[in-house]
Amino acid sequence: MKITINKIILFFILFNVGSTFAQSTKGFSEIIIGSWNGTGTLFGQKATFSMKWENELNAKFIKLTFENRFKDKSGMERVMKANAYYHMAQNKGHWFDSRGVMLPLILEVTEHSMTVLWGNENSEKGKTIYSITDEKNLIVQDSVFKDNAYQPFGEAKYRRLKE
């Protein structure tokens, strides 16, 4: 009987350790897939955000479909829409938005975050940091490169939508 209880306890411990390890090895590009809604600020004003991340083109790219909405200081609602394609294996991508702007992207990816350096010497430049706090929550921080430094202009907290 004692041997059986020990085996059951050992099995339970190994099962839980294995489950925890499987969850912790899930990387950024797997966790981010799905739809997210967020609230935060843009240019000092309250804003709402939505984004959808999905595998595209035989899973060679991850596609981001993005929208933000905020009221400027005059009270006029501003909406920006964008699509971006990320080539995770090459750590690069491209951004296309409703302003008519196309930007090259350079990616720095870790297990639970991605920093995107956007633009170049011929365009606006900045960075966006995506930080996954858990599988249902995400923080995004945006900065523009101005006067030889990154200046924050937006921040949002997102929650994953149920699919």
Protein backbone atom coordinates (compact mmCIF):
# COMPACT_ATOMS: atom_id res chain seq x y z
CA MET A 1 0.00 0.00 0.00
CA LYS A 2 2.83 2.41 0.89
CA ILE A 3 4.49 1.84 -2.48
CA THR A 4 1.22 2.55 -4.31
CA ILE A 5 0.65 5.85 -2.46
CA ASN A 6 4.25 6.90 -3.19
CA LYS A 7 3.77 6.08 -6.87
CA ILE A 8 0.55 8.07 -6.97
CA ILE A 9 2.23 11.06 -5.31
CA LEU A 10 5.23 10.81 -7.67
CA PHE A 11 2.92 10.60 -10.69
CA PHE A 12 0.96 13.64 -9.47
CA ILE A 13 4.17 15.67 -8.98
CA LEU A 14 5.58 14.68 -12.38
CA PHE A 15 2.28 15.45 -14.10
CA ASN A 16 2.06 18.92 -12.51
CA VAL A 17 5.71 19.74 -13.23
CA GLY A 18 5.25 18.61 -16.83
CA SER A 19 2.09 20.70 -17.24
CA THR A 20 3.77 23.77 -15.77
CA PHE A 21 6.79 23.31 -18.07
CA ALA A 22 4.55 22.92 -21.14
CA GLN A 23 2.72 26.15 -20.27
CA SER A 24 5.93 28.08 -19.60
CA THR A 25 7.58 27.04 -22.88
CA LYS A 26 4.78 28.57 -24.97
CA GLY A 27 6.47 31.47 -26.75
CA PHE A 28 5.37 34.98 -27.68
CA SER A 29 4.31 34.11 -31.23
CA GLU A 30 2.01 31.36 -29.92
CA ILE A 31 0.52 33.33 -27.02
CA ILE A 32 -0.20 36.50 -29.03
CA ILE A 33 -2.44 34.76 -31.61
CA GLY A 34 -6.05 35.84 -31.12
CA SER A 35 -8.18 38.95 -30.69
CA TRP A 36 -7.53 41.60 -28.04
CA ASN A 37 -9.30 44.79 -26.86
CA GLY A 38 -7.57 47.51 -24.90
CA THR A 39 -7.95 50.84 -23.16
CA GLY A 40 -5.32 53.42 -22.44
CA THR A 41 -4.02 56.74 -23.69
CA LEU A 42 -2.80 58.25 -26.96
CA PHE A 43 -1.24 61.71 -27.01
CA GLY A 44 -2.50 62.30 -23.47
CA GLN A 45 -6.13 61.42 -24.35
CA LYS A 46 -8.21 58.37 -23.39
CA ALA A 47 -8.24 55.81 -26.20
CA THR A 48 -9.60 52.40 -27.14
CA PHE A 49 -7.71 49.77 -29.09
CA SER A 50 -8.40 46.51 -30.85
CA MET A 51 -6.05 44.08 -32.49
CA LYS A 52 -6.16 40.64 -34.00
CA TRP A 53 -3.07 38.48 -34.50
CA GLU A 54 -3.26 35.50 -36.85
CA ASN A 55 -1.00 33.17 -38.80
CA GLU A 56 -0.93 34.09 -42.50
CA LEU A 57 0.45 32.74 -45.76
CA ASN A 58 1.08 29.16 -44.66
CA ALA A 59 2.12 30.42 -41.21
CA LYS A 60 5.22 32.09 -42.68
CA PHE A 61 4.00 35.42 -41.26
CA ILE A 62 1.96 36.66 -38.35
CA LYS A 63 -0.55 39.31 -39.43
CA LEU A 64 -1.67 42.08 -37.09
CA THR A 65 -4.94 43.88 -37.81
CA PHE A 66 -5.07 46.98 -35.59
CA GLU A 67 -7.34 49.93 -34.80
CA ASN A 68 -7.22 52.78 -32.29
CA ARG A 69 -9.77 55.47 -31.48
CA PHE A 70 -9.45 58.62 -29.41
CA LYS A 71 -10.83 62.15 -29.24
CA ASP A 72 -8.28 64.87 -29.90
CA LYS A 73 -8.19 68.07 -27.84
CA SER A 74 -10.88 69.65 -30.05
CA GLY A 75 -13.23 66.72 -29.31
CA MET A 76 -12.98 65.23 -32.79
CA GLU A 77 -12.77 61.42 -32.90
CA ARG A 78 -9.62 60.14 -34.59
CA VAL A 79 -9.39 56.59 -35.92
CA MET A 80 -6.32 54.87 -37.26
CA LYS A 81 -6.35 51.42 -38.82
CA ALA A 82 -3.32 49.34 -39.72
CA ASN A 83 -2.10 45.96 -40.88
CA ALA A 84 1.36 44.61 -40.21
CA TYR A 85 3.10 41.46 -41.30
CA TYR A 86 5.78 39.98 -39.03
CA HIS A 87 8.32 37.42 -40.26
CA MET A 88 9.28 35.99 -36.88
CA ALA A 89 12.08 33.76 -38.23
CA GLN A 90 13.81 36.78 -39.79
CA ASN A 91 12.93 39.26 -37.00
CA LYS A 92 11.48 41.80 -39.41
CA GLY A 93 8.23 42.96 -40.92
CA HIS A 94 6.25 45.81 -42.49
CA TRP A 95 3.50 48.13 -41.22
CA PHE A 96 0.79 49.69 -43.43
CA ASP A 97 -1.71 52.19 -41.99
CA SER A 98 -4.71 54.31 -42.92
CA ARG A 99 -2.55 57.46 -42.99
CA GLY A 100 -0.89 55.96 -46.07
CA VAL A 101 2.31 55.22 -44.16
CA MET A 102 4.44 52.12 -44.77
CA LEU A 103 7.19 51.38 -42.26
CA PRO A 104 9.88 48.70 -42.05
CA LEU A 105 9.97 46.81 -38.77
CA ILE A 106 12.84 45.23 -36.84
CA LEU A 107 11.81 42.74 -34.11
CA GLU A 108 13.43 41.79 -30.82
CA VAL A 109 11.47 38.83 -29.47
CA THR A 110 11.74 37.11 -26.10
CA GLU A 111 9.52 34.46 -24.55
CA HIS A 112 6.83 36.93 -23.37
CA SER A 113 7.61 40.21 -25.12
CA MET A 114 8.36 41.76 -28.46
CA THR A 115 10.00 45.12 -29.09
CA VAL A 116 9.35 46.50 -32.56
CA LEU A 117 11.66 49.21 -33.86
CA TRP A 118 9.78 50.95 -36.66
CA GLY A 119 10.78 53.34 -39.39
CA ASN A 120 14.17 54.41 -40.72
CA GLU A 121 16.19 57.53 -41.56
CA ASN A 122 13.70 58.38 -44.36
CA SER A 123 10.53 58.11 -42.23
CA GLU A 124 9.21 58.55 -38.75
CA LYS A 125 10.93 56.29 -36.23
CA GLY A 126 9.85 54.77 -32.97
CA LYS A 127 9.30 51.63 -31.00
CA THR A 128 6.44 49.58 -29.67
CA ILE A 129 6.85 47.15 -26.78
CA TYR A 130 4.36 44.29 -26.41
CA SER A 131 4.57 42.67 -22.95
CA ILE A 132 2.45 39.63 -22.21
CA THR A 133 1.68 39.53 -18.49
CA ASP A 134 -0.27 36.28 -18.78
CA GLU A 135 -2.22 34.49 -21.51
CA LYS A 136 -5.18 36.88 -21.12
CA ASN A 137 -3.42 40.23 -20.53
CA LEU A 138 -1.01 42.35 -22.54
CA ILE A 139 0.56 45.79 -22.10
CA VAL A 140 1.62 47.84 -25.13
CA GLN A 141 3.83 50.94 -24.93
CA ASP A 142 4.47 53.23 -27.93
CA SER A 143 7.24 55.81 -28.32
CA VAL A 144 8.38 58.02 -31.18
CA PHE A 145 12.08 58.79 -31.72
CA LYS A 146 12.38 62.57 -31.47
CA ASP A 147 15.26 64.84 -30.38
CA ASN A 148 17.60 61.80 -30.18
CA ALA A 149 15.41 60.00 -27.62
CA TYR A 150 12.30 57.84 -27.45
CA GLN A 151 9.31 59.93 -26.36
CA PRO A 152 6.26 57.97 -25.09
CA PHE A 153 2.97 58.81 -26.82
CA GLY A 154 0.73 55.84 -26.02
CA GLU A 155 0.11 53.04 -23.60
CA ALA A 156 -2.65 50.45 -23.37
CA LYS A 157 -3.69 47.43 -21.37
CA TYR A 158 -5.31 44.71 -23.45
CA ARG A 159 -7.43 41.72 -22.56
CA ARG A 160 -7.79 38.67 -24.80
CA LEU A 161 -11.28 38.17 -26.23
CA LYS A 162 -12.91 34.76 -25.98
CA GLU A 163 -13.01 33.08 -29.37
